[in-house]
Amino acid sequence: MSLQGWHQIEHMVKMGVHHIRVHTVFTTAYFQKGPLVKEPEGASLDIVYRPVWDTSRTGVDLFYARPILRDEAGEMLPGMTPLVRQPTVEGTLQRQIQYLSQAIEALRLRFGRGERFRLLVRINSVALATSEAAGEVTDVLRTLNAEERAHIVPEIIDFPKSLSLNTLDDITIPLMAFFETWIARPEKEQADFTPFANLNYSGVTLDLFDKPMDLKLAGKVFKLFIQRSSHRRLPTWVLGLPTPELAKLARISGANMLAGAYMGRDSVLPGPAIEGDEPFMV
């Protein structure tokens, strides 16, 4: 991390979590990368929760708050990735705030019943791209108490295609005062995972978005991604696995954490923690 970044974290600690204001500024070009996904009229954001299996153990104490879109009839729209950037920073921010607020509410409901588990949530880096936007995100995070924060694992997504250490520094700093660990979903163009290792990321994710993939091709994709992550000693998370065959291939290839539609365990609320073996532990 840059010296400026450490000074900012030190300042956050002195001020206390409840008074943090961040000062993240990116260039306009950052918001214009890649094609935007056109969503159907009347679509609305929702969340389903699915287990995330640590392949080194039995049982599950981590659940992924998977963002989805529903049509006007309430049916899930397949193939949508609703937390990707919207046409504007403001649009991306509004979607992000809605998602985080809903996930936190679900976590609190379960915690209020005495259940304890961890929750994987997605945060779009564009929602941290200006001081004003990042301030609104941290306003939501400040509503979390210390125990709730300790049970949340943020996954940062939608990075710039060209990601420097300084830019990643700016993206990550707003979250460091709230969480003990964080992971990243690198862009396809990101061949070197060194920046994530240097900023203490605790893993990287590969998401298949529940879409089928040829096993031979998948084997090559898993091998390359896991080589890159292992080179920097970053655990590999493979999400969105649609079939048991792909899940087993990911595990054999060396993936550390697995989740996907193949589990058949999507739920409207996260938890409760799972003990013992389950059929999805392939």
C-alpha atoms as a PDB file:
ATOM      1  CA  MET A   1       0.000   0.000   0.000  1.00  0.00           C
ATOM      2  CA  SER A   2       1.182   3.537  -0.667  1.00  0.00           C
ATOM      3  CA  LEU A   3       2.382   5.745   2.178  1.00  0.00           C
ATOM      4  CA  GLN A   4      -0.581   8.016   1.533  1.00  0.00           C
ATOM      5  CA  GLY A   5      -2.908   5.018   1.875  1.00  0.00           C
ATOM      6  CA  TRP A   6      -1.485   4.057   5.260  1.00  0.00           C
ATOM      7  CA  HIS A   7      -1.780   7.649   6.445  1.00  0.00           C
ATOM      8  CA  GLN A   8      -5.427   7.622   5.393  1.00  0.00           C
ATOM      9  CA  ILE A   9      -6.084   4.389   7.296  1.00  0.00           C
ATOM     10  CA  GLU A  10      -4.329   5.803  10.358  1.00  0.00           C
ATOM     11  CA  HIS A  11      -6.522   8.877  10.099  1.00  0.00           C
ATOM     12  CA  MET A  12      -9.636   6.673   9.866  1.00  0.00           C
ATOM     13  CA  VAL A  13      -8.676   4.798  13.007  1.00  0.00           C
ATOM     14  CA  LYS A  14      -8.070   8.022  14.930  1.00  0.00           C
ATOM     15  CA  MET A  15     -11.417   9.430  13.832  1.00  0.00           C
ATOM     16  CA  GLY A  16     -13.273   6.204  14.544  1.00  0.00           C
ATOM     17  CA  VAL A  17     -15.426   4.202  12.165  1.00  0.00           C
ATOM     18  CA  HIS A  18     -18.474   6.359  12.840  1.00  0.00           C
ATOM     19  CA  HIS A  19     -16.831   9.508  11.458  1.00  0.00           C
ATOM     20  CA  ILE A  20     -15.010   8.275   8.361  1.00  0.00           C
ATOM     21  CA  ARG A  21     -15.084  10.260   5.154  1.00  0.00           C
ATOM     22  CA  VAL A  22     -13.122   8.928   2.214  1.00  0.00           C
ATOM     23  CA  HIS A  23     -11.471  10.875  -0.587  1.00  0.00           C
ATOM     24  CA  THR A  24     -11.377   8.515  -3.553  1.00  0.00           C
ATOM     25  CA  VAL A  25     -11.176  10.079  -7.025  1.00  0.00           C
ATOM     26  CA  PHE A  26     -10.867   8.229 -10.342  1.00  0.00           C
ATOM     27  CA  THR A  27     -10.778   9.515 -13.908  1.00  0.00           C
ATOM     28  CA  THR A  28     -13.872   9.798 -16.077  1.00  0.00           C
ATOM     29  CA  ALA A  29     -12.439   7.186 -18.442  1.00  0.00           C
ATOM     30  CA  TYR A  30     -12.687   4.645 -15.655  1.00  0.00           C
ATOM     31  CA  PHE A  31     -16.477   4.630 -15.916  1.00  0.00           C
ATOM     32  CA  GLN A  32     -16.539   4.080 -19.657  1.00  0.00           C
ATOM     33  CA  LYS A  33     -14.894   0.700 -20.028  1.00  0.00           C
ATOM     34  CA  GLY A  34     -16.656  -2.188 -21.699  1.00  0.00           C
ATOM     35  CA  PRO A  35     -20.263  -2.652 -22.843  1.00  0.00           C
ATOM     36  CA  LEU A  36     -23.163  -1.973 -20.526  1.00  0.00           C
ATOM     37  CA  VAL A  37     -25.776  -4.675 -19.961  1.00  0.00           C
ATOM     38  CA  LYS A  38     -29.263  -3.663 -21.085  1.00  0.00           C
ATOM     39  CA  GLU A  39     -31.839  -4.762 -18.544  1.00  0.00           C
ATOM     40  CA  PRO A  40     -35.525  -5.467 -19.281  1.00  0.00           C
ATOM     41  CA  GLU A  41     -38.022  -2.736 -18.415  1.00  0.00           C
ATOM     42  CA  GLY A  42     -39.541  -3.121 -14.971  1.00  0.00           C
ATOM     43  CA  ALA A  43     -36.788  -5.400 -13.658  1.00  0.00           C
ATOM     44  CA  SER A  44     -36.063  -5.123  -9.936  1.00  0.00           C
ATOM     45  CA  LEU A  45     -33.120  -6.118  -7.778  1.00  0.00           C
ATOM     46  CA  ASP A  46     -33.385  -8.975  -5.312  1.00  0.00           C
ATOM     47  CA  ILE A  47     -31.048 -11.360  -3.483  1.00  0.00           C
ATOM     48  CA  VAL A  48     -30.898 -15.116  -3.067  1.00  0.00           C
ATOM     49  CA  TYR A  49     -28.493 -16.764  -0.664  1.00  0.00           C
ATOM     50  CA  ARG A  50     -26.474 -19.880  -1.341  1.00  0.00           C
ATOM     51  CA  PRO A  51     -23.826 -21.813   0.616  1.00  0.00           C
ATOM     52  CA  VAL A  52     -20.139 -21.318  -0.096  1.00  0.00           C
ATOM     53  CA  TRP A  53     -18.236 -24.542   0.549  1.00  0.00           C
ATOM     54  CA  ASP A  54     -14.677 -24.549   1.822  1.00  0.00           C
ATOM     55  CA  THR A  55     -13.317 -27.653   0.081  1.00  0.00           C
ATOM     56  CA  SER A  56     -10.930 -28.388   2.953  1.00  0.00           C
ATOM     57  CA  ARG A  57     -13.706 -29.087   5.421  1.00  0.00           C
ATOM     58  CA  THR A  58     -17.209 -30.396   5.951  1.00  0.00           C
ATOM     59  CA  GLY A  59     -19.979 -28.062   7.023  1.00  0.00           C
ATOM     60  CA  VAL A  60     -20.684 -24.525   5.828  1.00  0.00           C
ATOM     61  CA  ASP A  61     -20.684 -21.274   7.774  1.00  0.00           C
ATOM     62  CA  LEU A  62     -20.497 -18.873   4.821  1.00  0.00           C
ATOM     63  CA  PHE A  63     -23.296 -17.807   2.484  1.00  0.00           C
ATOM     64  CA  TYR A  64     -23.159 -15.738  -0.682  1.00  0.00           C
ATOM     65  CA  ALA A  65     -25.648 -12.898  -1.104  1.00  0.00           C
ATOM     66  CA  ARG A  66     -26.178 -13.412  -4.828  1.00  0.00           C
ATOM     67  CA  PRO A  67     -27.761 -10.400  -6.556  1.00  0.00           C
ATOM     68  CA  ILE A  68     -30.461 -11.226  -9.104  1.00  0.00           C
ATOM     69  CA  LEU A  69     -33.078  -9.415 -11.159  1.00  0.00           C
ATOM     70  CA  ARG A  70     -36.767 -10.247 -11.146  1.00  0.00           C
ATOM     71  CA  ASP A  71     -39.335  -9.295 -13.763  1.00  0.00           C
ATOM     72  CA  GLU A  72     -42.577  -7.516 -12.971  1.00  0.00           C
ATOM     73  CA  ALA A  73     -44.206 -10.878 -12.179  1.00  0.00           C
ATOM     74  CA  GLY A  74     -41.504 -11.685  -9.621  1.00  0.00           C
ATOM     75  CA  GLU A  75     -39.780 -14.331 -11.739  1.00  0.00           C
ATOM     76  CA  MET A  76     -35.984 -14.431 -11.763  1.00  0.00           C
ATOM     77  CA  LEU A  77     -34.372 -13.193 -14.974  1.00  0.00           C
ATOM     78  CA  PRO A  78     -31.493 -15.518 -15.922  1.00  0.00           C
ATOM     79  CA  GLY A  79     -28.246 -14.260 -17.358  1.00  0.00           C
ATOM     80  CA  MET A  80     -28.366 -10.867 -15.631  1.00  0.00           C
ATOM     81  CA  THR A  81     -25.536  -9.458 -13.508  1.00  0.00           C
ATOM     82  CA  PRO A  82     -27.310  -6.620 -11.702  1.00  0.00           C
ATOM     83  CA  LEU A  83     -24.339  -5.304  -9.750  1.00  0.00           C
ATOM     84  CA  VAL A  84     -22.247  -4.493 -12.806  1.00  0.00           C
ATOM     85  CA  ARG A  85     -21.805  -0.786 -13.355  1.00  0.00           C
ATOM     86  CA  GLN A  86     -24.767   1.207 -14.569  1.00  0.00           C
ATOM     87  CA  PRO A  87     -24.519   4.041 -17.136  1.00  0.00           C
ATOM     88  CA  THR A  88     -23.597   6.502 -14.365  1.00  0.00           C
ATOM     89  CA  VAL A  89     -21.786   6.402 -11.035  1.00  0.00           C
ATOM     90  CA  GLU A  90     -25.020   7.496  -9.359  1.00  0.00           C
ATOM     91  CA  GLY A  91     -26.953   4.618 -10.929  1.00  0.00           C
ATOM     92  CA  THR A  92     -24.293   2.126  -9.858  1.00  0.00           C
ATOM     93  CA  LEU A  93     -24.291   3.611  -6.356  1.00  0.00           C
ATOM     94  CA  GLN A  94     -28.067   3.413  -5.949  1.00  0.00           C
ATOM     95  CA  ARG A  95     -28.073  -0.247  -6.986  1.00  0.00           C
ATOM     96  CA  GLN A  96     -25.186  -0.957  -4.609  1.00  0.00           C
ATOM     97  CA  ILE A  97     -26.856   0.744  -1.639  1.00  0.00           C
ATOM     98  CA  GLN A  98     -30.082  -1.153  -2.226  1.00  0.00           C
ATOM     99  CA  TYR A  99     -28.224  -4.463  -2.378  1.00  0.00           C
ATOM    100  CA  LEU A 100     -26.128  -3.844   0.746  1.00  0.00           C
ATOM    101  CA  SER A 101     -29.118  -2.625   2.738  1.00  0.00           C
ATOM    102  CA  GLN A 102     -31.141  -5.722   1.854  1.00  0.00           C
ATOM    103  CA  ALA A 103     -28.279  -8.096   2.651  1.00  0.00           C
ATOM    104  CA  ILE A 104     -27.587  -6.421   5.995  1.00  0.00           C
ATOM    105  CA  GLU A 105     -31.274  -6.585   6.898  1.00  0.00           C
ATOM    106  CA  ALA A 106     -31.323 -10.332   6.163  1.00  0.00           C
ATOM    107  CA  LEU A 107     -28.173 -10.876   8.234  1.00  0.00           C
ATOM    108  CA  ARG A 108     -29.675  -9.011  11.182  1.00  0.00           C
ATOM    109  CA  LEU A 109     -32.900 -10.967  10.986  1.00  0.00           C
ATOM    110  CA  ARG A 110     -30.989 -14.241  11.299  1.00  0.00           C
ATOM    111  CA  PHE A 111     -28.649 -12.911  13.972  1.00  0.00           C
ATOM    112  CA  GLY A 112     -31.678 -11.777  15.938  1.00  0.00           C
ATOM    113  CA  ARG A 113     -32.738 -15.426  16.054  1.00  0.00           C
ATOM    114  CA  GLY A 114     -29.399 -16.434  17.536  1.00  0.00           C
ATOM    115  CA  GLU A 115     -27.850 -17.810  14.337  1.00  0.00           C
ATOM    116  CA  ARG A 116     -24.253 -17.056  13.417  1.00  0.00           C
ATOM    117  CA  PHE A 117     -22.579 -17.426  10.026  1.00  0.00           C
ATOM    118  CA  ARG A 118     -20.548 -15.320   7.614  1.00  0.00           C
ATOM    119  CA  LEU A 119     -21.960 -13.493   4.613  1.00  0.00           C
ATOM    120  CA  LEU A 120     -20.204 -12.842   1.290  1.00  0.00           C
ATOM    121  CA  VAL A 121     -21.386  -9.550  -0.245  1.00  0.00           C
ATOM    122  CA  ARG A 122     -20.447  -7.906  -3.533  1.00  0.00           C
ATOM    123  CA  ILE A 123     -19.286  -4.316  -3.811  1.00  0.00           C
ATOM    124  CA  ASN A 124     -18.815  -2.686  -7.195  1.00  0.00           C
ATOM    125  CA  SER A 125     -15.623  -0.629  -7.277  1.00  0.00           C
ATOM    126  CA  VAL A 126     -17.452   2.071  -9.249  1.00  0.00           C
ATOM    127  CA  ALA A 127     -19.599   2.689  -6.150  1.00  0.00           C
ATOM    128  CA  LEU A 128     -16.347   3.692  -4.418  1.00  0.00           C
ATOM    129  CA  ALA A 129     -15.121   5.808  -7.320  1.00  0.00           C
ATOM    130  CA  THR A 130     -15.748   9.299  -5.937  1.00  0.00           C
ATOM    131  CA  SER A 131     -15.570  10.680  -2.419  1.00  0.00           C
ATOM    132  CA  GLU A 132     -19.315  11.347  -2.459  1.00  0.00           C
ATOM    133  CA  ALA A 133     -20.243   7.842  -3.654  1.00  0.00           C
ATOM    134  CA  ALA A 134     -17.817   6.117  -1.294  1.00  0.00           C
ATOM    135  CA  GLY A 135     -19.174   8.254   1.532  1.00  0.00           C
ATOM    136  CA  GLU A 136     -22.689   6.915   0.912  1.00  0.00           C
ATOM    137  CA  VAL A 137     -21.431   3.334   0.875  1.00  0.00           C
ATOM    138  CA  THR A 138     -19.576   3.847   4.155  1.00  0.00           C
ATOM    139  CA  ASP A 139     -22.710   5.462   5.627  1.00  0.00           C
ATOM    140  CA  VAL A 140     -24.425   2.099   5.156  1.00  0.00           C
ATOM    141  CA  LEU A 141     -21.450   0.186   6.537  1.00  0.00           C
ATOM    142  CA  ARG A 142     -21.377   2.383   9.639  1.00  0.00           C
ATOM    143  CA  THR A 143     -24.776   0.955  10.600  1.00  0.00           C
ATOM    144  CA  LEU A 144     -23.074  -2.416  11.208  1.00  0.00           C
ATOM    145  CA  ASN A 145     -21.971  -3.219  14.725  1.00  0.00           C
ATOM    146  CA  ALA A 146     -18.592  -4.829  15.404  1.00  0.00           C
ATOM    147  CA  GLU A 147     -19.954  -8.394  15.452  1.00  0.00           C
ATOM    148  CA  GLU A 148     -21.851  -7.930  12.198  1.00  0.00           C
ATOM    149  CA  ARG A 149     -18.799  -6.489  10.465  1.00  0.00           C
ATOM    150  CA  ALA A 150     -16.700  -9.438  11.638  1.00  0.00           C
ATOM    151  CA  HIS A 151     -19.124 -11.814   9.892  1.00  0.00           C
ATOM    152  CA  ILE A 152     -19.124 -10.081   6.492  1.00  0.00           C
ATOM    153  CA  VAL A 153     -16.673 -10.794   3.666  1.00  0.00           C
ATOM    154  CA  PRO A 154     -16.791  -8.164   0.886  1.00  0.00           C
ATOM    155  CA  GLU A 155     -15.992  -9.188  -2.674  1.00  0.00           C
ATOM    156  CA  ILE A 156     -14.972  -6.226  -4.812  1.00  0.00           C
ATOM    157  CA  ILE A 157     -15.899  -6.489  -8.498  1.00  0.00           C
ATOM    158  CA  ASP A 158     -15.871  -4.493 -11.744  1.00  0.00           C
ATOM    159  CA  PHE A 159     -12.311  -3.216 -11.642  1.00  0.00           C
ATOM    160  CA  PRO A 160     -10.727  -1.081 -14.368  1.00  0.00           C
ATOM    161  CA  LYS A 161      -9.202  -3.150 -17.152  1.00  0.00           C
ATOM    162  CA  SER A 162      -5.833  -1.593 -16.353  1.00  0.00           C
ATOM    163  CA  LEU A 163      -5.476  -1.797 -12.589  1.00  0.00           C
ATOM    164  CA  SER A 164      -2.530  -0.087 -10.934  1.00  0.00           C
ATOM    165  CA  LEU A 165      -1.589  -0.537  -7.295  1.00  0.00           C
ATOM    166  CA  ASN A 166      -2.510   3.090  -6.581  1.00  0.00           C
ATOM    167  CA  THR A 167      -5.968   2.687  -8.107  1.00  0.00           C
ATOM    168  CA  LEU A 168      -6.560  -0.531  -6.186  1.00  0.00           C
ATOM    169  CA  ASP A 169      -5.352   1.298  -3.089  1.00  0.00           C
ATOM    170  CA  ASP A 170      -8.045   3.955  -3.594  1.00  0.00           C
ATOM    171  CA  ILE A 171     -10.715   1.313  -4.160  1.00  0.00           C
ATOM    172  CA  THR A 172      -9.818  -0.731  -1.096  1.00  0.00           C
ATOM    173  CA  ILE A 173      -9.153   1.970   1.507  1.00  0.00           C
ATOM    174  CA  PRO A 174     -12.847   2.793   2.200  1.00  0.00           C
ATOM    175  CA  LEU A 175     -13.451  -0.825   3.274  1.00  0.00           C
ATOM    176  CA  MET A 176     -10.370  -1.362   5.422  1.00  0.00           C
ATOM    177  CA  ALA A 177     -11.773   0.345   8.502  1.00  0.00           C
ATOM    178  CA  PHE A 178     -14.825  -1.921   8.504  1.00  0.00           C
ATOM    179  CA  PHE A 179     -13.713  -5.427   7.610  1.00  0.00           C
ATOM    180  CA  GLU A 180     -11.051  -7.905   8.635  1.00  0.00           C
ATOM    181  CA  THR A 181     -10.800  -9.536   5.225  1.00  0.00           C
ATOM    182  CA  TRP A 182     -11.769  -8.822   1.620  1.00  0.00           C
ATOM    183  CA  ILE A 183     -11.532 -10.614  -1.716  1.00  0.00           C
ATOM    184  CA  ALA A 184     -11.544  -9.552  -5.367  1.00  0.00           C
ATOM    185  CA  ARG A 185     -12.983 -10.686  -8.660  1.00  0.00           C
ATOM    186  CA  PRO A 186     -10.221  -9.774 -11.152  1.00  0.00           C
ATOM    187  CA  GLU A 187     -11.096  -8.700 -14.663  1.00  0.00           C
ATOM    188  CA  LYS A 188     -10.214 -11.075 -17.494  1.00  0.00           C
ATOM    189  CA  GLU A 189      -7.450  -8.707 -18.564  1.00  0.00           C
ATOM    190  CA  GLN A 190      -5.789  -8.895 -15.127  1.00  0.00           C
ATOM    191  CA  ALA A 191      -3.101 -11.544 -15.626  1.00  0.00           C
ATOM    192  CA  ASP A 192      -0.980 -10.503 -12.646  1.00  0.00           C
ATOM    193  CA  PHE A 193      -2.603 -10.768  -9.218  1.00  0.00           C
ATOM    194  CA  THR A 194       0.300  -9.094  -7.428  1.00  0.00           C
ATOM    195  CA  PRO A 195      -1.663  -5.897  -6.588  1.00  0.00           C
ATOM    196  CA  PHE A 196      -4.244  -7.944  -4.688  1.00  0.00           C
ATOM    197  CA  ALA A 197      -1.573  -9.771  -2.715  1.00  0.00           C
ATOM    198  CA  ASN A 198       0.195  -6.500  -1.913  1.00  0.00           C
ATOM    199  CA  LEU A 199      -2.992  -5.018  -0.461  1.00  0.00           C
ATOM    200  CA  ASN A 200      -3.724  -8.030   1.753  1.00  0.00           C
ATOM    201  CA  TYR A 201      -6.640  -9.432  -0.241  1.00  0.00           C
ATOM    202  CA  SER A 202      -7.474 -12.853   1.148  1.00  0.00           C
ATOM    203  CA  GLY A 203      -8.591 -14.434  -2.117  1.00  0.00           C
ATOM    204  CA  VAL A 204      -9.739 -13.997  -5.699  1.00  0.00           C
ATOM    205  CA  THR A 205     -12.950 -15.175  -7.331  1.00  0.00           C
ATOM    206  CA  LEU A 206     -13.851 -16.651 -10.692  1.00  0.00           C
ATOM    207  CA  ASP A 207     -17.576 -16.530 -11.497  1.00  0.00           C
ATOM    208  CA  LEU A 208     -19.231 -18.697 -14.142  1.00  0.00           C
ATOM    209  CA  PHE A 209     -22.617 -17.029 -13.447  1.00  0.00           C
ATOM    210  CA  ASP A 210     -24.364 -20.430 -13.469  1.00  0.00           C
ATOM    211  CA  LYS A 211     -23.752 -20.727 -17.214  1.00  0.00           C
ATOM    212  CA  PRO A 212     -22.789 -24.111 -18.758  1.00  0.00           C
ATOM    213  CA  MET A 213     -19.211 -24.574 -19.901  1.00  0.00           C
ATOM    214  CA  ASP A 214     -17.495 -27.371 -21.775  1.00  0.00           C
ATOM    215  CA  LEU A 215     -15.496 -29.432 -19.290  1.00  0.00           C
ATOM    216  CA  LYS A 216     -12.341 -29.391 -21.380  1.00  0.00           C
ATOM    217  CA  LEU A 217     -12.471 -25.619 -21.720  1.00  0.00           C
ATOM    218  CA  ALA A 218     -13.349 -25.226 -18.052  1.00  0.00           C
ATOM    219  CA  GLY A 219     -10.336 -27.301 -17.073  1.00  0.00           C
ATOM    220  CA  LYS A 220      -8.063 -24.905 -18.954  1.00  0.00           C
ATOM    221  CA  VAL A 221      -9.760 -21.857 -17.429  1.00  0.00           C
ATOM    222  CA  PHE A 222      -9.523 -23.250 -13.896  1.00  0.00           C
ATOM    223  CA  LYS A 223      -5.895 -24.254 -14.354  1.00  0.00           C
ATOM    224  CA  LEU A 224      -4.820 -20.831 -15.613  1.00  0.00           C
ATOM    225  CA  PHE A 225      -6.752 -18.877 -12.980  1.00  0.00           C
ATOM    226  CA  ILE A 226      -5.553 -21.059 -10.110  1.00  0.00           C
ATOM    227  CA  GLN A 227      -1.960 -20.838 -11.355  1.00  0.00           C
ATOM    228  CA  ARG A 228      -2.206 -17.064 -11.202  1.00  0.00           C
ATOM    229  CA  SER A 229      -3.756 -17.034  -7.743  1.00  0.00           C
ATOM    230  CA  SER A 230      -1.452 -19.699  -6.319  1.00  0.00           C
ATOM    231  CA  HIS A 231       1.573 -17.780  -7.587  1.00  0.00           C
ATOM    232  CA  ARG A 232       0.601 -15.002  -5.177  1.00  0.00           C
ATOM    233  CA  ARG A 233      -0.656 -17.393  -2.474  1.00  0.00           C
ATOM    234  CA  LEU A 234      -4.225 -16.195  -2.883  1.00  0.00           C
ATOM    235  CA  PRO A 235      -7.008 -18.715  -2.201  1.00  0.00           C
ATOM    236  CA  THR A 236      -9.271 -19.303  -5.190  1.00  0.00           C
ATOM    237  CA  TRP A 237     -13.056 -19.000  -5.012  1.00  0.00           C
ATOM    238  CA  VAL A 238     -15.095 -20.384  -7.919  1.00  0.00           C
ATOM    239  CA  LEU A 239     -18.676 -19.131  -7.893  1.00  0.00           C
ATOM    240  CA  GLY A 240     -21.611 -19.647 -10.216  1.00  0.00           C
ATOM    241  CA  LEU A 241     -20.910 -23.322 -10.862  1.00  0.00           C
ATOM    242  CA  PRO A 242     -23.943 -24.733 -12.720  1.00  0.00           C
ATOM    243  CA  THR A 243     -23.263 -28.489 -12.500  1.00  0.00           C
ATOM    244  CA  PRO A 244     -21.718 -31.014 -10.081  1.00  0.00           C
ATOM    245  CA  GLU A 245     -19.266 -32.027 -12.823  1.00  0.00           C
ATOM    246  CA  LEU A 246     -17.883 -28.501 -13.098  1.00  0.00           C
ATOM    247  CA  ALA A 247     -17.778 -28.176  -9.319  1.00  0.00           C
ATOM    248  CA  LYS A 248     -15.796 -31.395  -8.987  1.00  0.00           C
ATOM    249  CA  LEU A 249     -13.425 -30.280 -11.733  1.00  0.00           C
ATOM    250  CA  ALA A 250     -12.879 -26.949  -9.959  1.00  0.00           C
ATOM    251  CA  ARG A 251     -12.102 -28.738  -6.697  1.00  0.00           C
ATOM    252  CA  ILE A 252      -9.702 -31.187  -8.347  1.00  0.00           C
ATOM    253  CA  SER A 253      -8.023 -28.250 -10.092  1.00  0.00           C
ATOM    254  CA  GLY A 254      -7.270 -26.720  -6.714  1.00  0.00           C
ATOM    255  CA  ALA A 255     -10.123 -24.315  -5.975  1.00  0.00           C
ATOM    256  CA  ASN A 256     -10.503 -23.576  -2.274  1.00  0.00           C
ATOM    257  CA  MET A 257     -14.109 -22.345  -2.152  1.00  0.00           C
ATOM    258  CA  LEU A 258     -17.071 -23.410  -4.300  1.00  0.00           C
ATOM    259  CA  ALA A 259     -20.620 -22.173  -4.811  1.00  0.00           C
ATOM    260  CA  GLY A 260     -23.221 -22.369  -7.543  1.00  0.00           C
ATOM    261  CA  ALA A 261     -26.634 -23.380  -8.769  1.00  0.00           C
ATOM    262  CA  TYR A 262     -25.492 -27.033  -8.772  1.00  0.00           C
ATOM    263  CA  MET A 263     -25.978 -27.006  -4.994  1.00  0.00           C
ATOM    264  CA  GLY A 264     -29.728 -26.534  -5.315  1.00  0.00           C
ATOM    265  CA  ARG A 265     -29.713 -24.576  -2.073  1.00  0.00           C
ATOM    266  CA  ASP A 266     -30.710 -21.022  -3.040  1.00  0.00           C
ATOM    267  CA  SER A 267     -32.828 -19.425  -0.326  1.00  0.00           C
ATOM    268  CA  VAL A 268     -34.566 -16.113   0.369  1.00  0.00           C
ATOM    269  CA  LEU A 269     -32.597 -15.786   3.626  1.00  0.00           C
ATOM    270  CA  PRO A 270     -29.004 -16.698   4.525  1.00  0.00           C
ATOM    271  CA  GLY A 271     -28.102 -19.492   6.915  1.00  0.00           C
ATOM    272  CA  PRO A 272     -28.413 -21.406   9.060  1.00  0.00           C
ATOM    273  CA  ALA A 273     -24.899 -22.847   9.272  1.00  0.00           C
ATOM    274  CA  ILE A 274     -24.640 -26.382   7.889  1.00  0.00           C
ATOM    275  CA  GLU A 275     -22.964 -29.169   9.824  1.00  0.00           C
ATOM    276  CA  GLY A 276     -21.570 -32.368   8.314  1.00  0.00           C
ATOM    277  CA  ASP A 277     -21.449 -33.644   4.760  1.00  0.00           C
ATOM    278  CA  GLU A 278     -23.840 -32.516   2.040  1.00  0.00           C
ATOM    279  CA  PRO A 279     -24.423 -33.857  -1.505  1.00  0.00           C
ATOM    280  CA  PHE A 280     -22.956 -30.658  -2.973  1.00  0.00           C
ATOM    281  CA  MET A 281     -19.584 -31.454  -1.379  1.00  0.00           C
ATOM    282  CA  VAL A 282     -18.416 -33.240  -4.529  1.00  0.00           C
END
